[in-house]
Amino acid sequence: MNYQTVKGQLQALIDSLRESLTKQNGGQPMGAPITNIKIGENQASRMEELTIELERLNPNPQPLRNAINLLNGAWKLEYSTAREIRVLDSLPLGLQVGQVFQVINVAQAEFFNLAEVKHPWKIVCGGVKVTARFEADLDDSGLPNQRINVYFDKRYLAIDEVLGISTPMLNPLNVAPANNPKGRVPSLDITYLDENFRIGRGGDQGLFILHKANDIHNINF
């Protein structure tokens, strides 16, 4: 089986899960990333099974050495098991996370993460952005392979609308230094990469599945 076939199976499973979650949400589009706590154990196991198979068939097994430019651009987070993404399922005050993006500039070795946040009654909507820089981690041969080290910079909080009224004066509402873990450097292994699909695993093996995005311009940040 080739990587395109497995990728198609994985994307079909993600689409099916998103459709099911949308129905559970009363037909409201479920733009937030799917997490393993939102789905059944069998479904989560199937996600992991297909992911491992796709990682095995990776057409760019040394992405930072041979295909780093494929990282450029905007990526939308589709599925994750990472703790920092799972906690977004239980925001305070009835707030809900929407689409989550990562935008990478390889030439500048920097990226930002952007999460849409809104209240279901449209009381308030806005977003959170975290900027960071990254560097390739060198393997035993002194060359980059698939791991990047991450250094977070600033965290921005913005409110775009209150009760449907645009609030440009609240964008950003707050800018603060982003927290980096004490005593260690966060890292991410890019375990699969092609022109429009990416899989990564964090230091705690948290899984991130993303695809290239065109709809980030819909978020006003």
C-alpha atoms as a PDB file:
ATOM      1  CA  MET A   1       0.000   0.000   0.000  1.00  0.00           C
ATOM      2  CA  ASN A   2       1.418   3.426  -0.914  1.00  0.00           C
ATOM      3  CA  TYR A   3       1.376   6.572   1.204  1.00  0.00           C
ATOM      4  CA  GLN A   4      -1.309   8.287  -0.874  1.00  0.00           C
ATOM      5  CA  THR A   5      -3.742   5.434  -0.250  1.00  0.00           C
ATOM      6  CA  VAL A   6      -3.135   5.482   3.508  1.00  0.00           C
ATOM      7  CA  LYS A   7      -3.327   9.288   3.573  1.00  0.00           C
ATOM      8  CA  GLY A   8      -6.693   9.076   1.815  1.00  0.00           C
ATOM      9  CA  GLN A   9      -7.950   6.590   4.406  1.00  0.00           C
ATOM     10  CA  LEU A  10      -6.764   8.790   7.264  1.00  0.00           C
ATOM     11  CA  GLN A  11      -8.347  11.926   5.778  1.00  0.00           C
ATOM     12  CA  ALA A  12     -11.594  10.032   5.152  1.00  0.00           C
ATOM     13  CA  LEU A  13     -11.679   8.959   8.805  1.00  0.00           C
ATOM     14  CA  ILE A  14     -11.080  12.542   9.957  1.00  0.00           C
ATOM     15  CA  ASP A  15     -13.858  13.806   7.658  1.00  0.00           C
ATOM     16  CA  SER A  16     -16.238  11.121   8.945  1.00  0.00           C
ATOM     17  CA  LEU A  17     -15.488  11.986  12.566  1.00  0.00           C
ATOM     18  CA  ARG A  18     -15.967  15.694  11.874  1.00  0.00           C
ATOM     19  CA  GLU A  19     -19.329  15.018  10.218  1.00  0.00           C
ATOM     20  CA  SER A  20     -20.444  12.925  13.208  1.00  0.00           C
ATOM     21  CA  LEU A  21     -19.350  15.574  15.706  1.00  0.00           C
ATOM     22  CA  THR A  22     -21.131  18.260  13.673  1.00  0.00           C
ATOM     23  CA  LYS A  23     -24.383  16.270  13.934  1.00  0.00           C
ATOM     24  CA  GLN A  24     -23.880  15.936  17.690  1.00  0.00           C
ATOM     25  CA  ASN A  25     -23.442  19.713  17.805  1.00  0.00           C
ATOM     26  CA  GLY A  26     -26.886  20.307  16.341  1.00  0.00           C
ATOM     27  CA  GLY A  27     -25.613  20.738  12.820  1.00  0.00           C
ATOM     28  CA  GLN A  28     -23.288  23.602  13.690  1.00  0.00           C
ATOM     29  CA  PRO A  29     -19.968  23.196  11.840  1.00  0.00           C
ATOM     30  CA  MET A  30     -17.314  21.788  14.141  1.00  0.00           C
ATOM     31  CA  GLY A  31     -14.267  23.826  13.181  1.00  0.00           C
ATOM     32  CA  ALA A  32     -12.209  22.961  16.246  1.00  0.00           C
ATOM     33  CA  PRO A  33      -9.541  20.269  16.072  1.00  0.00           C
ATOM     34  CA  ILE A  34     -10.788  16.772  16.823  1.00  0.00           C
ATOM     35  CA  THR A  35      -9.185  15.292  19.934  1.00  0.00           C
ATOM     36  CA  ASN A  36      -9.048  11.725  21.162  1.00  0.00           C
ATOM     37  CA  ILE A  37     -11.329  12.590  24.105  1.00  0.00           C
ATOM     38  CA  LYS A  38     -14.103  13.615  21.699  1.00  0.00           C
ATOM     39  CA  ILE A  39     -14.266  10.229  19.971  1.00  0.00           C
ATOM     40  CA  GLY A  40     -14.608   6.577  20.950  1.00  0.00           C
ATOM     41  CA  GLU A  41     -11.704   4.376  21.970  1.00  0.00           C
ATOM     42  CA  ASN A  42     -11.983   2.258  18.817  1.00  0.00           C
ATOM     43  CA  GLN A  43     -11.974   5.354  16.630  1.00  0.00           C
ATOM     44  CA  ALA A  44      -8.936   6.765  18.441  1.00  0.00           C
ATOM     45  CA  SER A  45      -7.144   3.423  18.017  1.00  0.00           C
ATOM     46  CA  ARG A  46      -7.914   3.437  14.299  1.00  0.00           C
ATOM     47  CA  MET A  47      -6.574   7.002  14.012  1.00  0.00           C
ATOM     48  CA  GLU A  48      -3.331   5.934  15.665  1.00  0.00           C
ATOM     49  CA  GLU A  49      -3.066   2.809  13.518  1.00  0.00           C
ATOM     50  CA  LEU A  50      -3.435   4.734  10.263  1.00  0.00           C
ATOM     51  CA  THR A  51      -1.093   7.466  11.494  1.00  0.00           C
ATOM     52  CA  ILE A  52       1.664   4.989  12.329  1.00  0.00           C
ATOM     53  CA  GLU A  53       1.287   3.362   8.912  1.00  0.00           C
ATOM     54  CA  LEU A  54       1.468   6.736   7.158  1.00  0.00           C
ATOM     55  CA  GLU A  55       4.538   7.717   9.174  1.00  0.00           C
ATOM     56  CA  ARG A  56       6.158   4.463   8.050  1.00  0.00           C
ATOM     57  CA  LEU A  57       5.496   5.377   4.403  1.00  0.00           C
ATOM     58  CA  ASN A  58       6.699   8.977   4.776  1.00  0.00           C
ATOM     59  CA  PRO A  59       7.960  10.172   1.335  1.00  0.00           C
ATOM     60  CA  ASN A  60      10.279  12.627   3.137  1.00  0.00           C
ATOM     61  CA  PRO A  61      11.728  10.692   6.096  1.00  0.00           C
ATOM     62  CA  GLN A  62      14.344  13.398   6.741  1.00  0.00           C
ATOM     63  CA  PRO A  63      12.146  16.472   6.213  1.00  0.00           C
ATOM     64  CA  LEU A  64      14.473  19.065   7.728  1.00  0.00           C
ATOM     65  CA  ARG A  65      17.329  17.878   5.543  1.00  0.00           C
ATOM     66  CA  ASN A  66      15.590  17.236   2.245  1.00  0.00           C
ATOM     67  CA  ALA A  67      12.158  18.902   2.245  1.00  0.00           C
ATOM     68  CA  ILE A  68      12.181  21.780   4.719  1.00  0.00           C
ATOM     69  CA  ASN A  69      10.535  24.227   2.293  1.00  0.00           C
ATOM     70  CA  LEU A  70       7.382  22.074   2.367  1.00  0.00           C
ATOM     71  CA  LEU A  71       6.843  23.429   5.888  1.00  0.00           C
ATOM     72  CA  ASN A  72       6.260  26.959   4.585  1.00  0.00           C
ATOM     73  CA  GLY A  73       2.759  28.391   4.782  1.00  0.00           C
ATOM     74  CA  ALA A  74      -0.439  28.026   6.803  1.00  0.00           C
ATOM     75  CA  TRP A  75      -1.467  24.703   8.297  1.00  0.00           C
ATOM     76  CA  LYS A  76      -4.812  23.844   9.899  1.00  0.00           C
ATOM     77  CA  LEU A  77      -4.838  21.473  12.862  1.00  0.00           C
ATOM     78  CA  GLU A  78      -7.273  18.613  12.195  1.00  0.00           C
ATOM     79  CA  TYR A  79      -6.611  16.139  15.019  1.00  0.00           C
ATOM     80  CA  SER A  80      -4.540  16.021  18.177  1.00  0.00           C
ATOM     81  CA  THR A  81      -3.974  14.001  21.326  1.00  0.00           C
ATOM     82  CA  ALA A  82      -1.707  16.656  22.892  1.00  0.00           C
ATOM     83  CA  ARG A  83      -2.623  17.917  26.359  1.00  0.00           C
ATOM     84  CA  GLU A  84      -2.405  21.585  25.330  1.00  0.00           C
ATOM     85  CA  ILE A  85      -5.015  20.971  22.633  1.00  0.00           C
ATOM     86  CA  ARG A  86      -7.292  18.754  24.731  1.00  0.00           C
ATOM     87  CA  VAL A  87      -7.629  21.451  27.411  1.00  0.00           C
ATOM     88  CA  LEU A  88      -9.201  23.722  24.788  1.00  0.00           C
ATOM     89  CA  ASP A  89     -12.273  21.475  24.971  1.00  0.00           C
ATOM     90  CA  SER A  90     -13.074  22.891  28.423  1.00  0.00           C
ATOM     91  CA  LEU A  91     -12.614  26.667  28.242  1.00  0.00           C
ATOM     92  CA  PRO A  92     -14.253  28.804  30.979  1.00  0.00           C
ATOM     93  CA  LEU A  93     -17.355  31.017  30.681  1.00  0.00           C
ATOM     94  CA  GLY A  94     -18.888  28.869  27.959  1.00  0.00           C
ATOM     95  CA  LEU A  95     -16.232  29.864  25.436  1.00  0.00           C
ATOM     96  CA  GLN A  96     -15.456  27.440  22.626  1.00  0.00           C
ATOM     97  CA  VAL A  97     -12.351  27.023  20.523  1.00  0.00           C
ATOM     98  CA  GLY A  98     -12.772  27.169  16.773  1.00  0.00           C
ATOM     99  CA  GLN A  99     -10.208  26.666  14.043  1.00  0.00           C
ATOM    100  CA  VAL A 100      -6.555  26.333  15.026  1.00  0.00           C
ATOM    101  CA  PHE A 101      -3.771  27.245  12.608  1.00  0.00           C
ATOM    102  CA  GLN A 102       0.001  27.246  12.490  1.00  0.00           C
ATOM    103  CA  VAL A 103       1.767  29.570  10.053  1.00  0.00           C
ATOM    104  CA  ILE A 104       5.435  28.821   9.344  1.00  0.00           C
ATOM    105  CA  ASN A 105       8.113  31.019   7.779  1.00  0.00           C
ATOM    106  CA  VAL A 106      11.084  28.759   7.099  1.00  0.00           C
ATOM    107  CA  ALA A 107      13.380  31.542   5.873  1.00  0.00           C
ATOM    108  CA  GLN A 108      12.960  33.428   9.152  1.00  0.00           C
ATOM    109  CA  ALA A 109      12.850  30.227  11.264  1.00  0.00           C
ATOM    110  CA  GLU A 110       9.687  31.401  12.989  1.00  0.00           C
ATOM    111  CA  PHE A 111       6.016  30.535  13.251  1.00  0.00           C
ATOM    112  CA  PHE A 112       2.862  31.484  15.069  1.00  0.00           C
ATOM    113  CA  ASN A 113      -0.048  29.448  16.380  1.00  0.00           C
ATOM    114  CA  LEU A 114      -3.498  30.984  16.076  1.00  0.00           C
ATOM    115  CA  ALA A 115      -6.684  29.742  17.759  1.00  0.00           C
ATOM    116  CA  GLU A 116     -10.151  31.149  17.170  1.00  0.00           C
ATOM    117  CA  VAL A 117     -12.224  31.523  20.355  1.00  0.00           C
ATOM    118  CA  LYS A 118     -15.911  32.417  20.496  1.00  0.00           C
ATOM    119  CA  HIS A 119     -19.052  32.147  22.591  1.00  0.00           C
ATOM    120  CA  PRO A 120     -21.879  30.064  21.059  1.00  0.00           C
ATOM    121  CA  TRP A 121     -24.349  32.909  21.742  1.00  0.00           C
ATOM    122  CA  LYS A 122     -22.027  35.334  19.911  1.00  0.00           C
ATOM    123  CA  ILE A 123     -21.496  37.353  23.069  1.00  0.00           C
ATOM    124  CA  VAL A 124     -17.811  37.621  22.230  1.00  0.00           C
ATOM    125  CA  CYS A 125     -15.404  36.277  19.630  1.00  0.00           C
ATOM    126  CA  GLY A 126     -11.696  36.693  19.213  1.00  0.00           C
ATOM    127  CA  GLY A 127      -8.534  34.693  19.261  1.00  0.00           C
ATOM    128  CA  VAL A 128      -5.223  33.823  20.835  1.00  0.00           C
ATOM    129  CA  LYS A 129      -1.921  33.979  18.956  1.00  0.00           C
ATOM    130  CA  VAL A 130       1.444  32.694  20.160  1.00  0.00           C
ATOM    131  CA  THR A 131       4.630  33.573  18.303  1.00  0.00           C
ATOM    132  CA  ALA A 132       7.768  31.450  18.386  1.00  0.00           C
ATOM    133  CA  ARG A 133      11.038  30.705  16.662  1.00  0.00           C
ATOM    134  CA  PHE A 134      12.502  27.297  15.932  1.00  0.00           C
ATOM    135  CA  GLU A 135      15.739  25.583  15.028  1.00  0.00           C
ATOM    136  CA  ALA A 136      16.588  22.164  13.695  1.00  0.00           C
ATOM    137  CA  ASP A 137      17.911  19.715  16.256  1.00  0.00           C
ATOM    138  CA  LEU A 138      21.024  17.950  14.913  1.00  0.00           C
ATOM    139  CA  ASP A 139      21.292  14.166  14.970  1.00  0.00           C
ATOM    140  CA  ASP A 140      24.408  12.094  15.760  1.00  0.00           C
ATOM    141  CA  SER A 141      25.822  12.863  12.317  1.00  0.00           C
ATOM    142  CA  GLY A 142      25.567  16.605  12.950  1.00  0.00           C
ATOM    143  CA  LEU A 143      22.777  17.054  10.408  1.00  0.00           C
ATOM    144  CA  PRO A 144      19.101  17.974  10.785  1.00  0.00           C
ATOM    145  CA  ASN A 145      16.671  15.089  10.549  1.00  0.00           C
ATOM    146  CA  GLN A 146      13.090  15.482  11.763  1.00  0.00           C
ATOM    147  CA  ARG A 147      13.210  17.215  15.168  1.00  0.00           C
ATOM    148  CA  ILE A 148      12.854  20.940  15.762  1.00  0.00           C
ATOM    149  CA  ASN A 149      13.415  22.803  19.027  1.00  0.00           C
ATOM    150  CA  VAL A 150      10.898  25.521  19.821  1.00  0.00           C
ATOM    151  CA  TYR A 151      11.327  28.823  21.674  1.00  0.00           C
ATOM    152  CA  PHE A 152       8.057  30.620  22.417  1.00  0.00           C
ATOM    153  CA  ASP A 153       8.090  34.418  22.296  1.00  0.00           C
ATOM    154  CA  LYS A 154       4.837  36.356  22.868  1.00  0.00           C
ATOM    155  CA  ARG A 155       1.183  35.613  23.505  1.00  0.00           C
ATOM    156  CA  TYR A 156      -1.496  37.889  22.046  1.00  0.00           C
ATOM    157  CA  LEU A 157      -5.142  37.980  23.123  1.00  0.00           C
ATOM    158  CA  ALA A 158      -7.629  39.724  20.832  1.00  0.00           C
ATOM    159  CA  ILE A 159     -11.376  40.431  20.972  1.00  0.00           C
ATOM    160  CA  ASP A 160     -12.795  41.018  17.504  1.00  0.00           C
ATOM    161  CA  GLU A 161     -16.493  41.376  18.324  1.00  0.00           C
ATOM    162  CA  VAL A 162     -18.726  41.913  21.340  1.00  0.00           C
ATOM    163  CA  LEU A 163     -22.444  41.225  20.785  1.00  0.00           C
ATOM    164  CA  GLY A 164     -21.828  41.360  17.054  1.00  0.00           C
ATOM    165  CA  ILE A 165     -20.139  44.775  17.190  1.00  0.00           C
ATOM    166  CA  SER A 166     -16.622  45.034  15.794  1.00  0.00           C
ATOM    167  CA  THR A 167     -14.043  46.016  18.424  1.00  0.00           C
ATOM    168  CA  PRO A 168     -10.779  46.862  16.631  1.00  0.00           C
ATOM    169  CA  MET A 169      -9.609  48.748  19.712  1.00  0.00           C
ATOM    170  CA  LEU A 170      -9.444  45.384  21.541  1.00  0.00           C
ATOM    171  CA  ASN A 171      -7.217  43.739  18.942  1.00  0.00           C
ATOM    172  CA  PRO A 172      -4.897  43.050  20.607  1.00  0.00           C
ATOM    173  CA  LEU A 173      -6.362  43.293  24.085  1.00  0.00           C
ATOM    174  CA  ASN A 174      -3.233  41.992  25.746  1.00  0.00           C
ATOM    175  CA  VAL A 175       0.345  41.099  24.779  1.00  0.00           C
ATOM    176  CA  ALA A 176       2.522  39.152  27.202  1.00  0.00           C
ATOM    177  CA  PRO A 177       5.644  36.982  27.159  1.00  0.00           C
ATOM    178  CA  ALA A 178       4.842  33.369  26.332  1.00  0.00           C
ATOM    179  CA  ASN A 179       5.815  30.739  28.872  1.00  0.00           C
ATOM    180  CA  ASN A 180       8.578  28.289  28.039  1.00  0.00           C
ATOM    181  CA  PRO A 181       8.978  25.138  30.152  1.00  0.00           C
ATOM    182  CA  LYS A 182      11.623  25.451  32.844  1.00  0.00           C
ATOM    183  CA  GLY A 183      14.636  23.219  32.522  1.00  0.00           C
ATOM    184  CA  ARG A 184      13.933  21.904  29.024  1.00  0.00           C
ATOM    185  CA  VAL A 185      13.447  23.038  25.442  1.00  0.00           C
ATOM    186  CA  PRO A 186      10.150  21.986  23.820  1.00  0.00           C
ATOM    187  CA  SER A 187      10.633  19.874  20.726  1.00  0.00           C
ATOM    188  CA  LEU A 188       8.545  18.439  17.908  1.00  0.00           C
ATOM    189  CA  ASP A 189       9.317  15.527  15.610  1.00  0.00           C
ATOM    190  CA  ILE A 190       7.971  15.941  12.084  1.00  0.00           C
ATOM    191  CA  THR A 191       7.144  12.315  11.368  1.00  0.00           C
ATOM    192  CA  TYR A 192       5.340  12.810   8.047  1.00  0.00           C
ATOM    193  CA  LEU A 193       5.475  15.623   5.488  1.00  0.00           C
ATOM    194  CA  ASP A 194       4.297  16.133   1.943  1.00  0.00           C
ATOM    195  CA  GLU A 195       2.947  19.078  -0.053  1.00  0.00           C
ATOM    196  CA  ASN A 196      -0.343  19.340   1.874  1.00  0.00           C
ATOM    197  CA  PHE A 197      -0.270  16.986   4.857  1.00  0.00           C
ATOM    198  CA  ARG A 198       1.844  16.922   8.000  1.00  0.00           C
ATOM    199  CA  ILE A 199       2.106  14.784  11.123  1.00  0.00           C
ATOM    200  CA  GLY A 200       4.076  15.749  14.205  1.00  0.00           C
ATOM    201  CA  ARG A 201       4.707  14.286  17.642  1.00  0.00           C
ATOM    202  CA  GLY A 202       5.610  16.425  20.626  1.00  0.00           C
ATOM    203  CA  GLY A 203       8.040  15.648  23.417  1.00  0.00           C
ATOM    204  CA  ASP A 204       5.230  13.894  25.310  1.00  0.00           C
ATOM    205  CA  GLN A 205       4.297  11.997  22.115  1.00  0.00           C
ATOM    206  CA  GLY A 206       1.228  14.189  21.698  1.00  0.00           C
ATOM    207  CA  LEU A 207       0.024  13.759  18.113  1.00  0.00           C
ATOM    208  CA  PHE A 208      -0.691  16.614  15.691  1.00  0.00           C
ATOM    209  CA  ILE A 209      -2.237  16.063  12.249  1.00  0.00           C
ATOM    210  CA  LEU A 210      -2.479  19.105   9.982  1.00  0.00           C
ATOM    211  CA  HIS A 211      -3.201  19.964   6.372  1.00  0.00           C
ATOM    212  CA  LYS A 212      -2.298  23.005   4.274  1.00  0.00           C
ATOM    213  CA  ALA A 213      -4.943  25.683   4.691  1.00  0.00           C
ATOM    214  CA  ASN A 214      -6.420  28.446   2.556  1.00  0.00           C
ATOM    215  CA  ASP A 215      -9.157  29.646   4.935  1.00  0.00           C
ATOM    216  CA  ILE A 216      -6.966  31.319   7.570  1.00  0.00           C
ATOM    217  CA  HIS A 217      -7.842  34.690   6.007  1.00  0.00           C
ATOM    218  CA  ASN A 218     -11.353  34.210   7.395  1.00  0.00           C
ATOM    219  CA  ILE A 219      -9.994  34.963  10.871  1.00  0.00           C
ATOM    220  CA  ASN A 220      -9.500  38.634  11.624  1.00  0.00           C
ATOM    221  CA  PHE A 221      -6.377  38.801  13.771  1.00  0.00           C
END
